[in-house]
N, C-alpha and C. Protein backbone atom coordinates (compact mmCIF):
# COMPACT_ATOMS: atom_id res chain seq x y z
N UNK A 1 136.33 95.46 48.49
CA UNK A 1 135.40 96.48 48.14
C UNK A 1 133.95 96.00 48.10
N UNK A 2 133.80 94.70 47.78
CA UNK A 2 132.40 94.20 47.76
C UNK A 2 131.85 93.96 49.19
N UNK A 3 132.75 94.01 50.15
CA UNK A 3 132.41 93.77 51.56
C UNK A 3 131.57 95.01 52.08
N UNK A 4 131.95 96.21 51.75
CA UNK A 4 131.19 97.43 52.16
C UNK A 4 129.71 97.37 51.86
N UNK A 5 129.37 97.15 50.59
CA UNK A 5 127.91 97.13 50.30
C UNK A 5 127.21 95.97 51.06
N UNK A 6 127.89 94.84 51.28
CA UNK A 6 127.27 93.72 52.01
C UNK A 6 127.06 94.19 53.49
N UNK A 7 128.02 94.86 54.11
CA UNK A 7 127.84 95.26 55.51
C UNK A 7 126.77 96.32 55.61
N UNK A 8 126.60 97.24 54.57
CA UNK A 8 125.57 98.22 54.67
C UNK A 8 124.22 97.47 54.53
N UNK A 9 124.11 96.59 53.68
CA UNK A 9 122.86 95.80 53.47
C UNK A 9 122.44 95.05 54.70
N UNK A 10 123.44 94.54 55.39
CA UNK A 10 123.11 93.78 56.66
C UNK A 10 122.86 94.68 57.80
N UNK A 11 123.60 95.77 57.91
CA UNK A 11 123.53 96.61 59.08
C UNK A 11 122.35 97.64 59.09
N UNK A 12 121.89 98.09 57.88
CA UNK A 12 120.82 99.02 57.80
C UNK A 12 119.56 98.57 58.45
N UNK A 13 119.07 97.34 58.10
CA UNK A 13 117.85 96.90 58.83
C UNK A 13 117.98 96.87 60.35
N UNK A 14 119.10 96.47 60.80
CA UNK A 14 119.33 96.41 62.27
C UNK A 14 119.28 97.77 62.90
N UNK A 15 119.79 98.76 62.20
CA UNK A 15 119.78 100.15 62.75
C UNK A 15 118.35 100.72 62.73
N UNK A 16 117.61 100.37 61.70
CA UNK A 16 116.23 100.86 61.63
C UNK A 16 115.38 100.24 62.73
N UNK A 17 115.61 99.00 63.05
CA UNK A 17 114.86 98.28 64.11
C UNK A 17 115.25 98.88 65.48
N UNK A 18 116.50 99.23 65.66
CA UNK A 18 116.97 99.69 66.95
C UNK A 18 116.66 101.18 67.17
N UNK A 19 116.30 101.90 66.11
CA UNK A 19 116.07 103.36 66.20
C UNK A 19 114.74 103.58 67.00
N UNK A 20 114.73 104.61 67.92
CA UNK A 20 113.51 104.83 68.67
C UNK A 20 112.37 105.31 67.76
N UNK A 21 111.17 104.83 68.07
CA UNK A 21 110.02 105.21 67.31
C UNK A 21 109.40 106.37 67.97
N UNK A 22 109.22 107.48 67.20
CA UNK A 22 108.56 108.72 67.89
C UNK A 22 107.16 108.32 68.26
N UNK A 23 106.76 108.79 69.40
CA UNK A 23 105.43 108.57 69.96
C UNK A 23 104.51 109.72 69.48
N UNK A 24 103.26 109.43 69.23
CA UNK A 24 102.26 110.42 68.88
C UNK A 24 101.93 111.26 70.13
N UNK A 25 102.11 112.53 70.13
CA UNK A 25 101.78 113.38 71.22
C UNK A 25 101.80 112.78 72.55
N UNK A 26 102.92 112.71 73.16
CA UNK A 26 103.02 112.21 74.49
C UNK A 26 102.26 113.03 75.50
N UNK A 27 101.68 112.47 76.44
CA UNK A 27 100.95 113.24 77.46
C UNK A 27 102.01 113.97 78.32
N UNK A 28 101.72 115.27 78.59
CA UNK A 28 102.68 115.98 79.44
C UNK A 28 102.76 115.45 80.85
N UNK A 29 103.89 115.52 81.46
CA UNK A 29 104.01 115.04 82.80
C UNK A 29 103.25 115.99 83.74
N UNK A 30 102.73 115.50 84.80
CA UNK A 30 101.93 116.32 85.72
C UNK A 30 102.64 117.49 86.24
N UNK A 31 103.99 117.39 86.40
CA UNK A 31 104.74 118.61 86.89
C UNK A 31 104.68 119.71 85.92
N UNK A 32 104.53 119.42 84.65
CA UNK A 32 104.45 120.50 83.67
C UNK A 32 102.97 120.82 83.39
N UNK A 33 102.07 119.85 83.38
CA UNK A 33 100.70 120.00 83.05
C UNK A 33 99.90 120.80 84.04
N UNK A 34 100.38 120.82 85.29
CA UNK A 34 99.68 121.56 86.38
C UNK A 34 100.00 123.05 86.38
N UNK A 35 101.07 123.45 85.68
CA UNK A 35 101.44 124.84 85.64
C UNK A 35 100.39 125.72 84.96
N UNK A 36 100.20 126.90 85.53
CA UNK A 36 99.15 127.82 85.01
C UNK A 36 98.22 128.29 86.03
N UNK A 37 97.18 129.06 85.59
CA UNK A 37 96.26 129.64 86.49
C UNK A 37 94.93 128.87 86.45
N UNK A 38 94.46 128.46 87.58
CA UNK A 38 93.27 127.67 87.77
C UNK A 38 92.21 128.38 88.53
N UNK A 39 90.95 128.23 88.14
CA UNK A 39 89.82 128.82 88.79
C UNK A 39 88.96 127.69 89.42
N UNK A 40 88.40 127.96 90.61
CA UNK A 40 87.61 126.96 91.29
C UNK A 40 86.21 126.95 90.57
N UNK A 41 85.82 125.77 90.09
CA UNK A 41 84.48 125.56 89.48
C UNK A 41 83.49 125.03 90.51
N UNK A 42 83.99 124.18 91.44
CA UNK A 42 83.08 123.56 92.37
C UNK A 42 83.78 123.28 93.68
N UNK A 43 83.17 123.56 94.78
CA UNK A 43 83.71 123.28 96.12
C UNK A 43 82.72 122.35 96.78
N UNK A 44 83.09 121.05 96.98
CA UNK A 44 82.22 120.15 97.62
C UNK A 44 82.73 119.75 99.00
N UNK A 45 81.98 120.22 99.99
CA UNK A 45 82.33 119.91 101.39
C UNK A 45 81.56 118.68 101.92
N UNK A 46 80.83 118.02 101.01
CA UNK A 46 79.99 116.90 101.43
C UNK A 46 78.90 117.20 102.38
N UNK A 47 78.39 118.41 102.29
CA UNK A 47 77.31 118.87 103.16
C UNK A 47 77.77 119.40 104.49
N UNK A 48 79.11 119.31 104.76
CA UNK A 48 79.70 119.87 105.98
C UNK A 48 80.15 121.26 105.88
N UNK A 49 80.73 121.80 106.91
CA UNK A 49 81.23 123.18 106.91
C UNK A 49 82.43 123.34 106.06
N UNK A 50 82.70 124.53 105.57
CA UNK A 50 83.95 124.75 104.86
C UNK A 50 83.65 125.46 103.55
N UNK A 51 84.75 125.99 103.03
CA UNK A 51 84.69 126.57 101.76
C UNK A 51 84.58 128.09 101.83
N UNK A 52 84.87 128.78 100.76
CA UNK A 52 84.76 130.24 100.65
C UNK A 52 83.26 130.64 100.74
N UNK A 53 83.06 131.93 101.29
CA UNK A 53 81.69 132.43 101.35
C UNK A 53 81.07 132.46 99.93
N UNK A 54 79.73 132.45 99.85
CA UNK A 54 79.08 132.57 98.56
C UNK A 54 79.56 133.85 97.83
N UNK A 55 79.76 133.68 96.50
CA UNK A 55 80.24 134.80 95.70
C UNK A 55 81.73 135.01 95.63
N UNK A 56 82.42 134.30 96.56
CA UNK A 56 83.93 134.45 96.55
C UNK A 56 84.64 133.45 95.64
N UNK A 57 84.02 132.36 95.20
CA UNK A 57 84.68 131.36 94.45
C UNK A 57 85.21 131.93 93.11
N UNK A 58 84.40 132.80 92.51
CA UNK A 58 84.78 133.39 91.21
C UNK A 58 85.97 134.23 91.26
N UNK A 59 86.35 134.76 92.42
CA UNK A 59 87.51 135.61 92.61
C UNK A 59 88.80 134.92 92.93
N UNK A 60 88.74 133.60 93.33
CA UNK A 60 89.90 132.93 93.82
C UNK A 60 90.64 132.26 92.58
N UNK A 61 91.98 132.41 92.59
CA UNK A 61 92.79 131.77 91.59
C UNK A 61 93.97 131.05 92.24
N UNK A 62 94.25 129.91 91.75
CA UNK A 62 95.48 129.18 92.15
C UNK A 62 96.42 129.25 90.96
N UNK A 63 97.65 129.79 91.21
CA UNK A 63 98.57 129.94 90.12
C UNK A 63 99.81 129.03 90.41
N UNK A 64 99.83 127.93 89.72
CA UNK A 64 100.93 126.95 89.91
C UNK A 64 102.13 127.39 89.07
N UNK A 65 103.24 127.51 89.69
CA UNK A 65 104.45 127.91 89.01
C UNK A 65 105.51 126.81 89.15
N UNK A 66 106.63 126.96 88.36
CA UNK A 66 107.68 125.94 88.50
C UNK A 66 108.30 125.91 89.88
N UNK A 67 109.04 124.88 90.09
CA UNK A 67 109.80 124.70 91.38
C UNK A 67 108.97 124.68 92.64
N UNK A 68 107.70 124.22 92.53
CA UNK A 68 106.85 124.11 93.64
C UNK A 68 106.29 125.35 94.26
N UNK A 69 106.30 126.43 93.54
CA UNK A 69 105.79 127.76 94.04
C UNK A 69 104.37 127.90 93.53
N UNK A 70 103.55 128.50 94.34
CA UNK A 70 102.12 128.74 93.96
C UNK A 70 101.66 129.98 94.59
N UNK A 71 100.82 130.71 93.87
CA UNK A 71 100.24 131.90 94.39
C UNK A 71 98.72 131.57 94.60
N UNK A 72 98.21 132.00 95.73
CA UNK A 72 96.77 131.86 96.06
C UNK A 72 96.31 133.35 96.04
N UNK A 73 95.49 133.63 95.02
CA UNK A 73 95.09 134.98 94.74
C UNK A 73 93.60 135.18 94.96
N UNK A 74 93.20 136.28 95.67
CA UNK A 74 91.79 136.63 95.72
C UNK A 74 90.99 135.86 96.75
N UNK A 75 91.63 135.51 97.86
CA UNK A 75 90.96 134.79 98.89
C UNK A 75 89.91 135.68 99.58
N UNK A 76 89.15 135.17 100.56
CA UNK A 76 88.22 135.98 101.27
C UNK A 76 88.84 137.30 101.75
N UNK A 77 88.21 138.33 101.45
CA UNK A 77 88.71 139.66 101.80
C UNK A 77 89.76 140.13 100.76
N UNK A 78 89.95 139.37 99.69
CA UNK A 78 90.89 139.73 98.65
C UNK A 78 92.37 139.50 98.88
N UNK A 79 92.70 138.80 100.00
CA UNK A 79 94.09 138.64 100.36
C UNK A 79 94.76 137.55 99.43
N UNK A 80 96.05 137.69 99.25
CA UNK A 80 96.85 136.74 98.50
C UNK A 80 97.74 136.05 99.50
N UNK A 81 98.24 134.93 99.14
CA UNK A 81 99.13 134.15 100.05
C UNK A 81 100.25 133.47 99.28
N UNK A 82 101.42 133.53 99.86
CA UNK A 82 102.53 132.81 99.26
C UNK A 82 102.38 131.36 99.67
N UNK A 83 102.47 130.47 98.72
CA UNK A 83 102.23 129.06 99.00
C UNK A 83 103.20 128.19 98.22
N UNK A 84 103.45 127.03 98.76
CA UNK A 84 104.26 126.09 98.01
C UNK A 84 103.45 124.84 97.86
N UNK A 85 103.77 124.02 96.84
CA UNK A 85 103.05 122.75 96.63
C UNK A 85 104.11 121.74 96.30
N UNK A 86 103.59 120.53 96.55
CA UNK A 86 104.49 119.30 96.24
C UNK A 86 103.52 118.25 95.69
N UNK A 87 103.80 117.72 94.47
CA UNK A 87 103.03 116.70 93.95
C UNK A 87 103.83 115.42 93.73
N UNK A 88 103.18 114.31 93.87
CA UNK A 88 103.80 113.03 93.58
C UNK A 88 102.90 112.18 92.68
N UNK A 89 103.19 112.35 91.35
CA UNK A 89 102.31 111.65 90.34
C UNK A 89 102.65 110.14 90.31
N UNK A 90 103.69 109.67 91.01
CA UNK A 90 104.03 108.29 91.01
C UNK A 90 103.45 107.47 92.11
N UNK A 91 102.86 108.21 93.04
CA UNK A 91 102.23 107.51 94.23
C UNK A 91 101.05 106.68 93.75
N UNK A 92 100.67 105.63 94.54
CA UNK A 92 99.60 104.77 94.16
C UNK A 92 98.32 105.65 93.93
N UNK A 93 98.10 106.55 94.78
CA UNK A 93 97.06 107.58 94.62
C UNK A 93 97.83 108.89 94.57
N UNK A 94 97.81 109.62 93.42
CA UNK A 94 98.63 110.77 93.26
C UNK A 94 98.35 111.81 94.39
N UNK A 95 99.41 112.39 94.88
CA UNK A 95 99.33 113.34 95.97
C UNK A 95 99.62 114.77 95.63
N UNK A 96 98.96 115.71 96.20
CA UNK A 96 99.14 117.12 96.10
C UNK A 96 99.00 117.74 97.44
N UNK A 97 100.10 118.33 97.95
CA UNK A 97 100.10 119.01 99.24
C UNK A 97 100.40 120.45 99.08
N UNK A 98 99.68 121.27 99.78
CA UNK A 98 99.88 122.72 99.76
C UNK A 98 100.33 123.19 101.15
N UNK A 99 101.33 124.03 101.19
CA UNK A 99 101.78 124.65 102.49
C UNK A 99 101.55 126.15 102.29
N UNK A 100 100.67 126.68 103.11
CA UNK A 100 100.25 128.09 103.08
C UNK A 100 100.96 128.84 104.20
N UNK A 101 101.59 129.94 103.83
CA UNK A 101 102.24 130.77 104.82
C UNK A 101 101.61 132.13 104.78
N UNK A 102 100.92 132.55 105.84
CA UNK A 102 100.30 133.87 105.87
C UNK A 102 101.16 134.65 106.94
N UNK A 103 101.34 135.94 106.66
CA UNK A 103 102.17 136.78 107.60
C UNK A 103 101.67 136.61 109.01
N UNK A 104 102.53 136.31 109.96
CA UNK A 104 102.17 136.29 111.36
C UNK A 104 101.63 134.89 111.78
N UNK A 105 101.44 134.00 110.87
CA UNK A 105 100.90 132.68 111.21
C UNK A 105 101.98 131.58 110.96
N UNK A 106 101.77 130.48 111.62
CA UNK A 106 102.62 129.34 111.32
C UNK A 106 102.21 128.73 110.00
N UNK A 107 103.20 128.21 109.19
CA UNK A 107 102.78 127.52 107.95
C UNK A 107 101.87 126.35 108.23
N UNK A 108 100.90 126.22 107.33
CA UNK A 108 99.96 125.06 107.52
C UNK A 108 99.96 124.26 106.20
N UNK A 109 100.05 122.98 106.30
CA UNK A 109 100.04 122.12 105.14
C UNK A 109 98.74 121.33 105.10
N UNK A 110 98.18 121.33 103.87
CA UNK A 110 96.95 120.59 103.59
C UNK A 110 97.38 119.43 102.74
N UNK A 111 97.14 118.23 103.31
CA UNK A 111 97.48 116.98 102.61
C UNK A 111 96.35 116.59 101.74
N UNK A 112 96.69 116.21 100.45
CA UNK A 112 95.64 115.89 99.52
C UNK A 112 96.00 114.86 98.43
N UNK A 113 95.00 114.54 97.65
CA UNK A 113 95.18 113.69 96.49
C UNK A 113 94.59 114.41 95.32
N UNK A 114 95.09 114.05 94.13
CA UNK A 114 94.54 114.76 92.96
C UNK A 114 94.41 113.91 91.74
N UNK A 115 93.57 114.40 90.81
CA UNK A 115 93.39 113.86 89.47
C UNK A 115 93.51 115.04 88.49
N UNK A 116 94.35 114.86 87.52
CA UNK A 116 94.61 115.89 86.51
C UNK A 116 94.27 115.34 85.14
N UNK A 117 93.35 116.00 84.43
CA UNK A 117 92.88 115.52 83.14
C UNK A 117 92.76 116.78 82.26
N UNK A 118 93.81 117.06 81.49
CA UNK A 118 93.73 118.22 80.56
C UNK A 118 93.61 119.56 81.35
N UNK A 119 92.46 120.23 81.14
CA UNK A 119 92.26 121.48 81.82
C UNK A 119 91.35 121.40 83.02
N UNK A 120 91.28 120.16 83.58
CA UNK A 120 90.47 119.96 84.77
C UNK A 120 91.38 119.29 85.85
N UNK A 121 91.31 119.96 87.05
CA UNK A 121 92.11 119.44 88.15
C UNK A 121 91.10 119.23 89.31
N UNK A 122 91.12 118.02 89.88
CA UNK A 122 90.35 117.78 91.10
C UNK A 122 91.34 117.52 92.21
N UNK A 123 91.08 118.13 93.34
CA UNK A 123 91.95 118.01 94.41
C UNK A 123 91.04 117.77 95.71
N UNK A 124 91.41 116.65 96.35
CA UNK A 124 90.66 116.29 97.54
C UNK A 124 91.64 116.46 98.77
N UNK A 125 91.23 117.24 99.74
CA UNK A 125 92.16 117.57 100.82
C UNK A 125 91.49 117.51 102.16
N UNK A 126 92.27 117.34 103.17
CA UNK A 126 91.85 117.31 104.51
C UNK A 126 92.05 118.78 105.03
N UNK A 127 90.94 119.44 105.45
CA UNK A 127 91.05 120.81 105.89
C UNK A 127 91.48 120.82 107.34
N UNK A 128 92.46 121.68 107.62
CA UNK A 128 92.91 121.86 108.99
C UNK A 128 94.23 121.13 109.25
N UNK A 129 94.97 121.66 110.22
CA UNK A 129 96.25 121.00 110.61
C UNK A 129 96.06 119.61 111.20
N UNK A 130 97.08 118.84 111.08
CA UNK A 130 97.09 117.44 111.69
C UNK A 130 95.96 116.53 111.17
N UNK A 131 95.45 116.78 109.94
CA UNK A 131 94.46 115.93 109.38
C UNK A 131 95.13 114.91 108.48
N UNK A 132 94.64 113.72 108.43
CA UNK A 132 95.22 112.62 107.60
C UNK A 132 94.85 112.84 106.15
N UNK A 133 95.76 112.37 105.29
CA UNK A 133 95.50 112.49 103.83
C UNK A 133 94.29 111.65 103.45
N UNK A 134 93.43 112.24 102.65
CA UNK A 134 92.29 111.36 102.17
C UNK A 134 92.77 110.23 101.30
N UNK A 135 92.01 109.16 101.30
CA UNK A 135 92.41 107.98 100.58
C UNK A 135 91.58 107.87 99.25
N UNK A 136 90.51 108.52 99.18
CA UNK A 136 89.65 108.57 97.98
C UNK A 136 89.12 109.91 97.67
N UNK A 137 88.70 110.12 96.41
CA UNK A 137 88.30 111.43 95.97
C UNK A 137 86.81 111.61 96.36
N UNK A 138 86.64 111.88 97.66
CA UNK A 138 85.26 111.97 98.16
C UNK A 138 85.19 112.92 99.35
N UNK A 139 84.32 113.86 99.33
CA UNK A 139 84.13 114.73 100.51
C UNK A 139 83.29 113.99 101.51
N UNK A 140 83.58 114.23 102.80
CA UNK A 140 82.95 113.40 103.80
C UNK A 140 82.10 114.28 104.78
N UNK A 141 82.03 115.56 104.55
CA UNK A 141 81.13 116.43 105.42
C UNK A 141 81.75 116.68 106.75
N UNK A 142 82.96 116.19 106.97
CA UNK A 142 83.65 116.41 108.31
C UNK A 142 85.04 116.98 108.14
N UNK A 143 85.31 117.76 107.14
CA UNK A 143 86.57 118.43 106.93
C UNK A 143 87.35 117.86 105.79
N UNK A 144 86.82 116.90 105.00
CA UNK A 144 87.50 116.44 103.79
C UNK A 144 86.68 117.00 102.69
N UNK A 145 87.34 117.83 101.77
CA UNK A 145 86.58 118.47 100.66
C UNK A 145 87.19 118.08 99.33
N UNK A 146 86.37 118.23 98.29
CA UNK A 146 86.87 118.03 96.92
C UNK A 146 86.68 119.38 96.21
N UNK A 147 87.75 119.90 95.61
CA UNK A 147 87.69 121.11 94.89
C UNK A 147 87.98 120.79 93.38
N UNK A 148 87.14 121.24 92.51
CA UNK A 148 87.30 121.01 91.11
C UNK A 148 87.69 122.38 90.49
N UNK A 149 88.83 122.32 89.72
CA UNK A 149 89.35 123.53 89.10
C UNK A 149 89.30 123.40 87.58
N UNK A 150 89.21 124.50 86.94
CA UNK A 150 89.47 124.52 85.51
C UNK A 150 90.55 125.56 85.18
N UNK A 151 91.41 125.21 84.16
CA UNK A 151 92.42 126.10 83.79
C UNK A 151 91.80 127.26 83.04
N UNK A 152 92.31 128.46 83.39
CA UNK A 152 91.91 129.65 82.60
C UNK A 152 92.47 129.58 81.30
N UNK A 153 91.72 129.64 80.18
CA UNK A 153 92.22 129.47 78.81
C UNK A 153 93.26 130.48 78.46
N UNK A 154 93.12 131.69 78.90
CA UNK A 154 94.15 132.74 78.49
C UNK A 154 95.46 132.54 79.24
N UNK A 155 95.43 131.62 80.23
CA UNK A 155 96.67 131.42 80.96
C UNK A 155 97.29 130.05 80.66
N UNK A 156 96.76 129.39 79.64
CA UNK A 156 97.24 128.08 79.28
C UNK A 156 98.74 128.10 78.98
N UNK A 157 99.45 127.21 79.49
CA UNK A 157 100.89 127.15 79.43
C UNK A 157 101.40 127.16 77.96
N UNK A 158 100.72 126.51 77.10
CA UNK A 158 101.21 126.40 75.70
C UNK A 158 100.79 127.54 74.80
N UNK A 159 100.41 128.61 75.42
CA UNK A 159 99.94 129.80 74.63
C UNK A 159 101.06 130.39 73.86
């Protein structure tokens, strides 16, 4: 009978040490953190051609959904497009690729890299088919652009 209290006394500290320690507010994984509606704040073509016409940026929304689905809403002329995306937050430089499918056109994939920090998303992409993925977050004036988005507050995922 005296063995039971002795075992409890010896085992309890070992169990407490082995128990997982809860972390303070873990950062959400990018696959979850990217979900929601994003508005373009800045379009940097590095002085080169590209980008929506003046006044159109405020109308465009990127709506990232689960399972790699995305809606491109309010493009030039007000058109919407069904889009898919793929992110790899484990790559040396995090990648974000969009494949846009417009009725009557062949799907086009824009290869890019991204940085996600709270409600700010930066995406650097090569415009046009058959363009190589950018290696750094820098517009080059020759078809590599950097787009900075902010999440719309009323669309925040944790609402």
